[in-house]
Amino acid sequence: MAGEWHDVGAIDAVSEDMPLAAKVGEREIGIYTIAGKLYAIEDVCPHAYALLSQGFMDGEEVECPLHGAKFHVPSGKCTKEPGGRDLKSYPVKAEGGRVYLKID
């Protein structure tokens, strides 16, 4: 599984307003598109279990729906507490109408 590309869904399932929630093994990952570019970050807020893909997008940031922590999607950086830490990001690509994640 490490170092492999995983098909996680159709590219049509990702939009500027609606990220794609994916699960690869035990990892929950959110896939976002911002200005036509794909990004993939951990989908679970480190502060308390909440799926960030169900949060609110504001430009390049996603806000946790539970307690309002914010994360910069392109970098995974926590920009507003109570996030607790930065998020891990993952390589992501679109090919043949599908979205692929690389897990290390």
Protein backbone atom coordinates (compact mmCIF):
# COMPACT_ATOMS: atom_id res chain seq x y z
CA MET A 1 0.00 0.00 0.00
CA ALA A 2 2.84 2.46 0.80
CA GLY A 3 4.01 4.42 -2.19
CA GLU A 4 1.11 3.29 -4.39
CA TRP A 5 -1.50 5.42 -6.15
CA HIS A 6 -5.07 4.65 -5.04
CA ASP A 7 -8.21 5.41 -7.06
CA VAL A 8 -10.53 7.23 -4.65
CA GLY A 9 -13.32 8.52 -6.86
CA ALA A 10 -14.50 10.44 -9.89
CA ILE A 11 -13.06 13.88 -10.56
CA ASP A 12 -16.66 15.09 -11.03
CA ALA A 13 -17.25 14.37 -7.31
CA VAL A 14 -14.86 17.22 -6.33
CA SER A 15 -15.84 20.87 -6.70
CA GLU A 16 -14.78 24.21 -5.22
CA ASP A 17 -17.74 24.03 -2.81
CA MET A 18 -17.78 20.31 -2.10
CA PRO A 19 -14.65 18.31 -1.27
CA LEU A 20 -14.47 14.55 -1.71
CA ALA A 21 -14.10 12.42 1.42
CA ALA A 22 -11.98 9.33 0.81
CA LYS A 23 -10.70 6.46 2.91
CA VAL A 24 -7.52 4.55 2.08
CA GLY A 25 -6.90 1.81 4.61
CA GLU A 26 -7.49 3.48 7.97
CA ARG A 27 -6.69 6.98 6.68
CA GLU A 28 -9.50 9.45 6.13
CA ILE A 29 -8.51 12.05 3.56
CA GLY A 30 -10.29 15.08 2.13
CA ILE A 31 -9.68 16.03 -1.51
CA TYR A 32 -10.25 19.67 -2.43
CA THR A 33 -10.08 21.69 -5.62
CA ILE A 34 -9.03 25.32 -5.40
CA ALA A 35 -8.62 27.40 -8.56
CA GLY A 36 -8.59 24.21 -10.62
CA LYS A 37 -5.84 22.50 -8.60
CA LEU A 38 -6.33 19.38 -6.45
CA TYR A 39 -5.15 19.11 -2.84
CA ALA A 40 -5.43 16.26 -0.34
CA ILE A 41 -5.16 16.59 3.45
CA GLU A 42 -6.14 14.59 6.51
CA ASP A 43 -9.91 14.73 6.80
CA VAL A 44 -10.19 14.45 10.59
CA CYS A 45 -9.71 17.54 12.75
CA PRO A 46 -6.98 16.81 15.34
CA HIS A 47 -8.85 18.73 18.06
CA ALA A 48 -11.89 16.46 18.17
CA TYR A 49 -13.24 13.95 15.69
CA ALA A 50 -14.99 15.89 12.95
CA LEU A 51 -14.68 15.46 9.20
CA LEU A 52 -13.22 18.59 7.67
CA SER A 53 -14.74 17.66 4.31
CA GLN A 54 -18.07 18.46 5.98
CA GLY A 55 -16.77 21.85 7.09
CA PHE A 56 -16.98 25.27 5.49
CA MET A 57 -14.68 26.47 2.71
CA ASP A 58 -13.46 30.06 2.81
CA GLY A 59 -11.00 30.72 0.00
CA GLU A 60 -8.06 28.37 0.59
CA GLU A 61 -9.14 27.47 4.14
CA VAL A 62 -11.48 24.87 5.52
CA GLU A 63 -13.22 25.44 8.85
CA CYS A 64 -13.96 22.52 11.13
CA PRO A 65 -17.74 22.11 11.52
CA LEU A 66 -17.40 21.20 15.20
CA HIS A 67 -15.33 23.90 16.94
CA GLY A 68 -14.26 26.33 14.19
CA ALA A 69 -10.57 25.44 13.83
CA LYS A 70 -9.25 26.48 10.40
CA PHE A 71 -6.68 24.86 8.12
CA HIS A 72 -4.96 26.14 4.97
CA VAL A 73 -5.78 23.41 2.44
CA PRO A 74 -2.74 23.76 0.13
CA SER A 75 -0.26 23.46 3.03
CA GLY A 76 -2.25 21.72 5.80
CA LYS A 77 -1.22 24.48 8.24
CA CYS A 78 -3.50 25.20 11.18
CA THR A 79 -4.46 28.88 10.87
CA LYS A 80 -6.97 29.12 13.73
CA GLU A 81 -7.09 27.13 16.95
CA PRO A 82 -8.30 24.84 18.46
CA GLY A 83 -6.79 22.76 15.62
CA GLY A 84 -3.85 21.70 17.74
CA ARG A 85 -1.44 20.87 14.91
CA ASP A 86 -0.92 21.03 11.16
CA LEU A 87 -2.48 18.37 8.92
CA LYS A 88 -0.62 15.87 6.80
CA SER A 89 -0.98 16.43 3.07
CA TYR A 90 -0.87 13.77 0.36
CA PRO A 91 0.11 13.73 -3.32
CA VAL A 92 -3.03 13.78 -5.46
CA LYS A 93 -3.65 13.72 -9.21
CA ALA A 94 -6.47 13.45 -11.73
CA GLU A 95 -6.17 11.00 -14.58
CA GLY A 96 -8.79 9.60 -16.93
CA GLY A 97 -11.62 11.29 -15.03
CA ARG A 98 -10.55 9.70 -11.72
CA VAL A 99 -8.80 11.03 -8.60
CA TYR A 100 -5.73 9.21 -7.29
CA LEU A 101 -3.97 9.55 -3.91
CA LYS A 102 -0.44 8.43 -3.14
CA ILE A 103 0.02 7.08 0.36
CA ASP A 104 3.54 6.90 1.81
